[in-house]
Amino acid sequence: MSTFKSRLQSDLTEAIRSRDELVSSTLRLTLTAITNEEVAGKTARELSDDEVVKVIVREAKKRREAAEAFENGGRTESAARERAEGEVLAAYLPAQLSDDELKVIVADAIAQTRASGPQAMGQVMKVVRPKVGDKAEGGRIAAEIKSQLGV
């Protein structure tokens, strides 16, 4: 069993014991997503810690998008719940890069690739993505690249 997944499971047990409904339901859904990922494909397999983090990133993104949708639909209570679940998941994710750190990485990538114009976006993204990893969401990276390329 991966150490990260076992940490999630022990945190779930603790949340259930302390009757923390928000944390326990969020971790249950996340562990279900991890299990679904493990049994997807031709053969069942155990996810590495990095793969578990990717699942958590995906789940956190779903919460952000759902919160936005609820907010736009005038359902503030549901939006608040989604945001709270997102905060629970954020505790398990690597620290996010600050805007300034992201600006520097993107500027370096643009200089390195000598990129210019909107067609160069993919080129710059290929250089930035491995450096950033899970420390910044794709949408944030794309927005910064667009801003620096003047797209």
N, C-alpha and C. Protein backbone atom coordinates (compact mmCIF):
# COMPACT_ATOMS: atom_id res chain seq x y z
N MET A 1 0.85 -1.19 0.00
CA MET A 1 0.00 0.00 0.00
C MET A 1 0.89 1.24 0.00
N SER A 2 0.55 2.20 -0.82
CA SER A 2 1.36 3.42 -0.87
C SER A 2 1.22 4.18 0.44
N THR A 3 2.28 4.84 0.83
CA THR A 3 2.26 5.55 2.11
C THR A 3 1.26 6.70 2.09
N PHE A 4 1.12 7.34 0.95
CA PHE A 4 0.19 8.47 0.84
C PHE A 4 -1.25 7.98 0.98
N LYS A 5 -1.55 6.89 0.30
CA LYS A 5 -2.91 6.34 0.38
C LYS A 5 -3.21 5.88 1.80
N SER A 6 -2.24 5.26 2.46
CA SER A 6 -2.48 4.80 3.84
C SER A 6 -2.66 5.99 4.78
N ARG A 7 -1.97 7.10 4.50
CA ARG A 7 -2.17 8.32 5.30
C ARG A 7 -3.60 8.82 5.14
N LEU A 8 -4.10 8.81 3.90
CA LEU A 8 -5.49 9.23 3.65
C LEU A 8 -6.46 8.33 4.42
N GLN A 9 -6.19 7.02 4.40
CA GLN A 9 -7.09 6.09 5.08
C GLN A 9 -7.06 6.29 6.59
N SER A 10 -5.89 6.52 7.16
CA SER A 10 -5.83 6.74 8.62
C SER A 10 -6.47 8.08 8.98
N ASP A 11 -6.30 9.09 8.12
CA ASP A 11 -6.97 10.38 8.36
C ASP A 11 -8.48 10.23 8.28
N LEU A 12 -8.95 9.38 7.36
CA LEU A 12 -10.38 9.11 7.25
C LEU A 12 -10.90 8.46 8.54
N THR A 13 -10.19 7.47 9.04
CA THR A 13 -10.58 6.80 10.28
C THR A 13 -10.66 7.81 11.42
N GLU A 14 -9.68 8.69 11.50
CA GLU A 14 -9.64 9.72 12.54
C GLU A 14 -10.83 10.69 12.39
N ALA A 15 -11.14 11.08 11.16
CA ALA A 15 -12.26 11.99 10.91
C ALA A 15 -13.59 11.35 11.31
N ILE A 16 -13.71 10.05 11.04
CA ILE A 16 -14.94 9.33 11.40
C ILE A 16 -15.05 9.28 12.93
N ARG A 17 -13.94 8.98 13.59
CA ARG A 17 -13.94 8.92 15.07
C ARG A 17 -14.34 10.25 15.68
N SER A 18 -13.81 11.34 15.10
CA SER A 18 -14.10 12.67 15.65
C SER A 18 -15.40 13.26 15.09
N ARG A 19 -16.11 12.46 14.30
CA ARG A 19 -17.40 12.84 13.70
C ARG A 19 -17.29 14.11 12.86
N ASP A 20 -16.18 14.24 12.14
CA ASP A 20 -15.98 15.37 11.22
C ASP A 20 -16.56 14.97 9.87
N GLU A 21 -17.79 15.32 9.63
CA GLU A 21 -18.52 14.89 8.44
C GLU A 21 -17.87 15.42 7.15
N LEU A 22 -17.45 16.67 7.15
CA LEU A 22 -16.85 17.28 5.96
C LEU A 22 -15.59 16.52 5.54
N VAL A 23 -14.68 16.33 6.48
CA VAL A 23 -13.41 15.66 6.17
C VAL A 23 -13.66 14.20 5.80
N SER A 24 -14.51 13.51 6.55
CA SER A 24 -14.72 12.09 6.27
C SER A 24 -15.37 11.88 4.90
N SER A 25 -16.37 12.69 4.55
CA SER A 25 -17.00 12.50 3.24
C SER A 25 -16.05 12.87 2.10
N THR A 26 -15.25 13.92 2.30
CA THR A 26 -14.29 14.33 1.27
C THR A 26 -13.24 13.24 1.06
N LEU A 27 -12.70 12.69 2.15
CA LEU A 27 -11.69 11.64 2.03
C LEU A 27 -12.28 10.36 1.47
N ARG A 28 -13.51 10.04 1.82
CA ARG A 28 -14.17 8.86 1.24
C ARG A 28 -14.25 8.97 -0.28
N LEU A 29 -14.72 10.14 -0.75
CA LEU A 29 -14.84 10.35 -2.20
C LEU A 29 -13.47 10.27 -2.88
N THR A 30 -12.46 10.83 -2.24
CA THR A 30 -11.11 10.83 -2.81
C THR A 30 -10.54 9.42 -2.86
N LEU A 31 -10.71 8.66 -1.78
CA LEU A 31 -10.23 7.27 -1.77
C LEU A 31 -10.97 6.43 -2.81
N THR A 32 -12.24 6.72 -3.02
CA THR A 32 -13.00 6.02 -4.07
C THR A 32 -12.41 6.34 -5.44
N ALA A 33 -12.08 7.61 -5.66
CA ALA A 33 -11.48 8.01 -6.94
C ALA A 33 -10.13 7.31 -7.14
N ILE A 34 -9.36 7.17 -6.06
CA ILE A 34 -8.06 6.48 -6.14
C ILE A 34 -8.28 5.00 -6.48
N THR A 35 -9.23 4.37 -5.81
CA THR A 35 -9.53 2.96 -6.07
C THR A 35 -10.01 2.77 -7.51
N ASN A 36 -10.86 3.68 -7.98
CA ASN A 36 -11.34 3.60 -9.37
C ASN A 36 -10.18 3.69 -10.35
N GLU A 37 -9.22 4.56 -10.05
CA GLU A 37 -8.03 4.70 -10.89
C GLU A 37 -7.21 3.41 -10.86
N GLU A 38 -7.13 2.78 -9.70
CA GLU A 38 -6.33 1.56 -9.57
C GLU A 38 -6.92 0.40 -10.37
N VAL A 39 -8.25 0.35 -10.47
CA VAL A 39 -8.87 -0.77 -11.19
C VAL A 39 -9.21 -0.43 -12.64
N ALA A 40 -8.95 0.81 -13.04
CA ALA A 40 -9.17 1.19 -14.45
C ALA A 40 -8.13 0.50 -15.32
N GLY A 41 -8.47 0.25 -16.54
CA GLY A 41 -7.52 -0.40 -17.45
C GLY A 41 -7.67 -1.91 -17.41
N LYS A 42 -6.74 -2.58 -18.05
CA LYS A 42 -6.84 -4.04 -18.20
C LYS A 42 -6.53 -4.79 -16.91
N THR A 43 -5.55 -4.28 -16.13
CA THR A 43 -5.20 -4.99 -14.90
C THR A 43 -5.21 -4.01 -13.72
N ALA A 44 -5.66 -4.51 -12.58
CA ALA A 44 -5.66 -3.69 -11.37
C ALA A 44 -4.21 -3.49 -10.92
N ARG A 45 -3.93 -2.34 -10.39
CA ARG A 45 -2.57 -2.05 -9.93
C ARG A 45 -2.63 -1.06 -8.77
N GLU A 46 -1.54 -0.98 -8.07
CA GLU A 46 -1.42 -0.03 -6.96
C GLU A 46 -0.83 1.27 -7.50
N LEU A 47 -1.42 2.40 -7.11
CA LEU A 47 -0.91 3.70 -7.57
C LEU A 47 0.31 4.11 -6.74
N SER A 48 1.25 4.77 -7.40
CA SER A 48 2.40 5.32 -6.68
C SER A 48 1.92 6.59 -5.96
N ASP A 49 2.75 7.10 -5.06
CA ASP A 49 2.39 8.33 -4.36
C ASP A 49 2.16 9.48 -5.34
N ASP A 50 2.99 9.56 -6.39
CA ASP A 50 2.82 10.62 -7.40
C ASP A 50 1.47 10.51 -8.09
N GLU A 51 1.08 9.27 -8.41
CA GLU A 51 -0.22 9.06 -9.07
C GLU A 51 -1.37 9.41 -8.13
N VAL A 52 -1.21 9.10 -6.84
CA VAL A 52 -2.23 9.45 -5.86
C VAL A 52 -2.37 10.97 -5.79
N VAL A 53 -1.24 11.69 -5.81
CA VAL A 53 -1.28 13.16 -5.79
C VAL A 53 -2.02 13.68 -7.02
N LYS A 54 -1.78 13.07 -8.18
CA LYS A 54 -2.48 13.50 -9.40
C LYS A 54 -3.99 13.32 -9.27
N VAL A 55 -4.42 12.23 -8.64
CA VAL A 55 -5.85 12.01 -8.42
C VAL A 55 -6.40 13.10 -7.50
N ILE A 56 -5.65 13.42 -6.44
CA ILE A 56 -6.10 14.46 -5.50
C ILE A 56 -6.17 15.81 -6.19
N VAL A 57 -5.19 16.11 -7.05
CA VAL A 57 -5.20 17.36 -7.82
C VAL A 57 -6.47 17.42 -8.67
N ARG A 58 -6.78 16.31 -9.32
CA ARG A 58 -7.97 16.24 -10.19
C ARG A 58 -9.25 16.45 -9.36
N GLU A 59 -9.31 15.81 -8.20
CA GLU A 59 -10.48 15.96 -7.32
C GLU A 59 -10.62 17.40 -6.82
N ALA A 60 -9.50 18.03 -6.47
CA ALA A 60 -9.53 19.42 -6.00
C ALA A 60 -10.01 20.35 -7.11
N LYS A 61 -9.57 20.07 -8.33
CA LYS A 61 -10.00 20.88 -9.48
C LYS A 61 -11.51 20.74 -9.69
N LYS A 62 -12.01 19.51 -9.55
CA LYS A 62 -13.47 19.30 -9.68
C LYS A 62 -14.22 20.14 -8.66
N ARG A 63 -13.69 20.21 -7.43
CA ARG A 63 -14.36 20.99 -6.38
C ARG A 63 -14.38 22.48 -6.73
N ARG A 64 -13.24 22.98 -7.25
CA ARG A 64 -13.18 24.41 -7.64
C ARG A 64 -14.18 24.71 -8.74
N GLU A 65 -14.21 23.84 -9.76
CA GLU A 65 -15.12 24.06 -10.88
C GLU A 65 -16.58 23.97 -10.44
N ALA A 66 -16.88 23.02 -9.56
CA ALA A 66 -18.26 22.86 -9.06
C ALA A 66 -18.65 24.09 -8.22
N ALA A 67 -17.72 24.58 -7.41
CA ALA A 67 -18.00 25.76 -6.59
C ALA A 67 -18.33 26.95 -7.48
N GLU A 68 -17.56 27.13 -8.56
CA GLU A 68 -17.83 28.22 -9.51
C GLU A 68 -19.21 28.07 -10.14
N ALA A 69 -19.53 26.85 -10.57
CA ALA A 69 -20.82 26.59 -11.20
C ALA A 69 -21.96 26.87 -10.23
N PHE A 70 -21.82 26.42 -8.99
CA PHE A 70 -22.86 26.67 -7.98
C PHE A 70 -23.00 28.17 -7.72
N GLU A 71 -21.86 28.85 -7.62
CA GLU A 71 -21.85 30.29 -7.37
C GLU A 71 -22.59 31.03 -8.49
N ASN A 72 -22.27 30.66 -9.73
CA ASN A 72 -22.92 31.28 -10.89
C ASN A 72 -24.41 30.97 -10.93
N GLY A 73 -24.79 29.83 -10.38
CA GLY A 73 -26.19 29.44 -10.36
C GLY A 73 -26.93 29.96 -9.14
N GLY A 74 -26.25 30.74 -8.30
CA GLY A 74 -26.88 31.32 -7.14
C GLY A 74 -27.04 30.36 -5.97
N ARG A 75 -26.34 29.24 -6.02
CA ARG A 75 -26.44 28.25 -4.93
C ARG A 75 -25.22 28.39 -4.02
N THR A 76 -25.22 29.45 -3.22
CA THR A 76 -24.04 29.78 -2.41
C THR A 76 -23.73 28.73 -1.35
N GLU A 77 -24.77 28.06 -0.81
CA GLU A 77 -24.53 27.03 0.21
C GLU A 77 -23.75 25.86 -0.38
N SER A 78 -24.16 25.41 -1.57
CA SER A 78 -23.47 24.31 -2.25
C SER A 78 -22.06 24.73 -2.65
N ALA A 79 -21.91 25.98 -3.08
CA ALA A 79 -20.59 26.49 -3.47
C ALA A 79 -19.66 26.50 -2.26
N ALA A 80 -20.18 26.90 -1.11
CA ALA A 80 -19.37 26.94 0.11
C ALA A 80 -18.92 25.53 0.49
N ARG A 81 -19.80 24.56 0.35
CA ARG A 81 -19.47 23.15 0.66
C ARG A 81 -18.34 22.66 -0.25
N GLU A 82 -18.47 22.95 -1.56
CA GLU A 82 -17.43 22.53 -2.51
C GLU A 82 -16.09 23.17 -2.18
N ARG A 83 -16.11 24.46 -1.82
CA ARG A 83 -14.87 25.15 -1.46
C ARG A 83 -14.26 24.53 -0.21
N ALA A 84 -15.09 24.21 0.77
CA ALA A 84 -14.60 23.60 2.01
C ALA A 84 -13.95 22.24 1.71
N GLU A 85 -14.58 21.45 0.83
CA GLU A 85 -13.99 20.16 0.44
C GLU A 85 -12.66 20.38 -0.27
N GLY A 86 -12.60 21.41 -1.11
CA GLY A 86 -11.35 21.75 -1.80
C GLY A 86 -10.24 22.09 -0.84
N GLU A 87 -10.59 22.79 0.25
CA GLU A 87 -9.59 23.14 1.26
C GLU A 87 -9.09 21.90 2.00
N VAL A 88 -9.98 20.95 2.24
CA VAL A 88 -9.56 19.69 2.87
C VAL A 88 -8.53 19.01 1.97
N LEU A 89 -8.81 18.95 0.67
CA LEU A 89 -7.89 18.29 -0.26
C LEU A 89 -6.58 19.06 -0.41
N ALA A 90 -6.66 20.40 -0.35
CA ALA A 90 -5.46 21.22 -0.51
C ALA A 90 -4.40 20.89 0.54
N ALA A 91 -4.83 20.43 1.70
CA ALA A 91 -3.89 20.08 2.76
C ALA A 91 -3.00 18.90 2.36
N TYR A 92 -3.45 18.11 1.39
CA TYR A 92 -2.69 16.93 0.95
C TYR A 92 -1.84 17.20 -0.29
N LEU A 93 -1.96 18.39 -0.83
CA LEU A 93 -1.25 18.72 -2.08
C LEU A 93 0.06 19.45 -1.78
N PRO A 94 1.00 19.37 -2.74
CA PRO A 94 2.24 20.14 -2.56
C PRO A 94 1.91 21.63 -2.53
N ALA A 95 2.72 22.40 -1.83
CA ALA A 95 2.52 23.85 -1.76
C ALA A 95 2.50 24.42 -3.18
N GLN A 96 1.56 25.32 -3.42
CA GLN A 96 1.43 25.92 -4.75
C GLN A 96 2.47 27.02 -4.93
N LEU A 97 2.91 27.20 -6.18
CA LEU A 97 3.86 28.27 -6.48
C LEU A 97 3.15 29.61 -6.34
N SER A 98 3.90 30.60 -5.90
CA SER A 98 3.34 31.95 -5.85
C SER A 98 3.28 32.49 -7.29
N ASP A 99 2.53 33.55 -7.49
CA ASP A 99 2.43 34.15 -8.82
C ASP A 99 3.81 34.60 -9.31
N ASP A 100 4.61 35.17 -8.39
CA ASP A 100 5.95 35.64 -8.78
C ASP A 100 6.85 34.49 -9.21
N GLU A 101 6.80 33.37 -8.47
CA GLU A 101 7.62 32.20 -8.84
C GLU A 101 7.20 31.67 -10.21
N LEU A 102 5.90 31.63 -10.44
CA LEU A 102 5.39 31.14 -11.73
C LEU A 102 5.82 32.08 -12.86
N LYS A 103 5.78 33.40 -12.62
CA LYS A 103 6.20 34.38 -13.63
C LYS A 103 7.64 34.14 -14.06
N VAL A 104 8.51 33.89 -13.08
CA VAL A 104 9.94 33.67 -13.36
C VAL A 104 10.13 32.41 -14.20
N ILE A 105 9.46 31.32 -13.83
CA ILE A 105 9.59 30.06 -14.57
C ILE A 105 9.10 30.22 -16.00
N VAL A 106 7.97 30.90 -16.18
CA VAL A 106 7.42 31.12 -17.53
C VAL A 106 8.35 32.02 -18.34
N ALA A 107 8.86 33.08 -17.73
CA ALA A 107 9.78 33.99 -18.43
C ALA A 107 11.03 33.24 -18.89
N ASP A 108 11.57 32.38 -18.03
CA ASP A 108 12.75 31.57 -18.39
C ASP A 108 12.43 30.66 -19.57
N ALA A 109 11.25 30.03 -19.53
CA ALA A 109 10.85 29.10 -20.60
C ALA A 109 10.68 29.84 -21.92
N ILE A 110 10.13 31.04 -21.87
CA ILE A 110 9.94 31.84 -23.09
C ILE A 110 11.31 32.23 -23.66
N ALA A 111 12.22 32.62 -22.78
CA ALA A 111 13.57 32.98 -23.23
C ALA A 111 14.27 31.75 -23.80
N GLN A 112 14.13 30.63 -23.14
CA GLN A 112 14.77 29.38 -23.57
C GLN A 112 14.25 28.92 -24.94
N THR A 113 12.96 29.04 -25.17
CA THR A 113 12.38 28.57 -26.43
C THR A 113 12.33 29.67 -27.50
N ARG A 114 12.67 30.89 -27.11
CA ARG A 114 12.58 32.05 -28.01
C ARG A 114 11.18 32.15 -28.61
N ALA A 115 10.20 31.90 -27.78
CA ALA A 115 8.80 31.85 -28.23
C ALA A 115 8.23 33.24 -28.40
N SER A 116 7.31 33.34 -29.37
CA SER A 116 6.54 34.58 -29.53
C SER A 116 5.24 34.25 -30.25
N GLY A 117 4.21 34.95 -29.87
CA GLY A 117 2.91 34.75 -30.52
C GLY A 117 2.13 33.58 -29.95
N PRO A 118 0.83 33.53 -30.26
CA PRO A 118 -0.05 32.51 -29.69
C PRO A 118 0.31 31.08 -30.10
N GLN A 119 0.90 30.90 -31.27
CA GLN A 119 1.24 29.55 -31.73
C GLN A 119 2.35 28.92 -30.90
N ALA A 120 3.07 29.71 -30.13
CA ALA A 120 4.18 29.20 -29.33
C ALA A 120 3.75 28.73 -27.95
N MET A 121 2.48 28.86 -27.65
CA MET A 121 2.00 28.51 -26.32
C MET A 121 2.30 27.07 -25.92
N GLY A 122 2.03 26.14 -26.81
CA GLY A 122 2.27 24.72 -26.53
C GLY A 122 3.74 24.44 -26.29
N GLN A 123 4.57 25.10 -27.07
CA GLN A 123 6.02 24.97 -26.95
C GLN A 123 6.48 25.39 -25.55
N VAL A 124 6.00 26.53 -25.10
CA VAL A 124 6.37 27.04 -23.78
C VAL A 124 5.80 26.13 -22.68
N MET A 125 4.56 25.68 -22.86
CA MET A 125 3.91 24.81 -21.88
C MET A 125 4.71 23.53 -21.68
N LYS A 126 5.28 22.98 -22.77
CA LYS A 126 6.08 21.74 -22.68
C LYS A 126 7.31 21.93 -21.80
N VAL A 127 7.86 23.14 -21.79
CA VAL A 127 9.04 23.42 -20.97
C VAL A 127 8.63 23.70 -19.52
N VAL A 128 7.53 24.44 -19.34
CA VAL A 128 7.10 24.86 -18.01
C VAL A 128 6.53 23.70 -17.19
N ARG A 129 5.70 22.88 -17.82
CA ARG A 129 4.95 21.83 -17.10
C ARG A 129 5.85 20.91 -16.24
N PRO A 130 6.96 20.37 -16.81
CA PRO A 130 7.80 19.49 -15.99
C PRO A 130 8.46 20.23 -14.81
N LYS A 131 8.78 21.51 -15.00
CA LYS A 131 9.41 22.28 -13.92
C LYS A 131 8.43 22.57 -12.80
N VAL A 132 7.17 22.76 -13.15
CA VAL A 132 6.15 23.14 -12.18
C VAL A 132 5.53 21.93 -11.50
N GLY A 133 5.31 20.86 -12.26
CA GLY A 133 4.68 19.66 -11.70
C GLY A 133 3.28 19.95 -11.20
N ASP A 134 2.99 19.53 -9.97
CA ASP A 134 1.67 19.73 -9.37
C ASP A 134 1.60 21.00 -8.54
N LYS A 135 2.60 21.85 -8.67
CA LYS A 135 2.64 23.05 -7.84
C LYS A 135 1.87 24.22 -8.43
N ALA A 136 1.30 24.03 -9.63
CA ALA A 136 0.43 25.05 -10.22
C ALA A 136 -0.49 24.35 -11.21
N GLU A 137 -1.72 24.79 -11.22
CA GLU A 137 -2.74 24.21 -12.09
C GLU A 137 -2.50 24.66 -13.54
N GLY A 138 -2.87 23.80 -14.47
CA GLY A 138 -2.68 24.10 -15.89
C GLY A 138 -3.29 25.42 -16.32
N GLY A 139 -4.45 25.75 -15.81
CA GLY A 139 -5.13 27.00 -16.15
C GLY A 139 -4.32 28.22 -15.72
N ARG A 140 -3.73 28.12 -14.54
CA ARG A 140 -2.89 29.23 -14.05
C ARG A 140 -1.66 29.39 -14.92
N ILE A 141 -1.06 28.26 -15.30
CA ILE A 141 0.15 28.30 -16.14
C ILE A 141 -0.20 28.91 -17.49
N ALA A 142 -1.29 28.43 -18.10
CA ALA A 142 -1.70 28.93 -19.41
C ALA A 142 -1.97 30.43 -19.37
N ALA A 143 -2.64 30.89 -18.32
CA ALA A 143 -2.94 32.32 -18.19
C ALA A 143 -1.66 33.14 -18.12
N GLU A 144 -0.67 32.65 -17.38
CA GLU A 144 0.60 33.36 -17.25
C GLU A 144 1.36 33.38 -18.58
N ILE A 145 1.35 32.25 -19.29
CA ILE A 145 2.02 32.20 -20.59
C ILE A 145 1.35 33.17 -21.56
N LYS A 146 0.02 33.16 -21.60
CA LYS A 146 -0.71 34.10 -22.48
C LYS A 146 -0.36 35.53 -22.15
N SER A 147 -0.34 35.83 -20.87
CA SER A 147 -0.05 37.21 -20.45
C SER A 147 1.36 37.63 -20.89
N GLN A 148 2.34 36.73 -20.73
CA GLN A 148 3.71 37.08 -21.10
C GLN A 148 3.95 37.07 -22.61
N LEU A 149 3.18 36.24 -23.33
CA LEU A 149 3.32 36.24 -24.79
C LEU A 149 2.48 37.35 -25.42
N GLY A 150 1.67 38.00 -24.62
CA GLY A 150 0.81 39.06 -25.14
C GLY A 150 -0.32 38.54 -26.00
N VAL A 151 -0.81 37.36 -25.67
CA VAL A 151 -1.90 36.74 -26.47
C VAL A 151 -3.22 37.28 -25.99
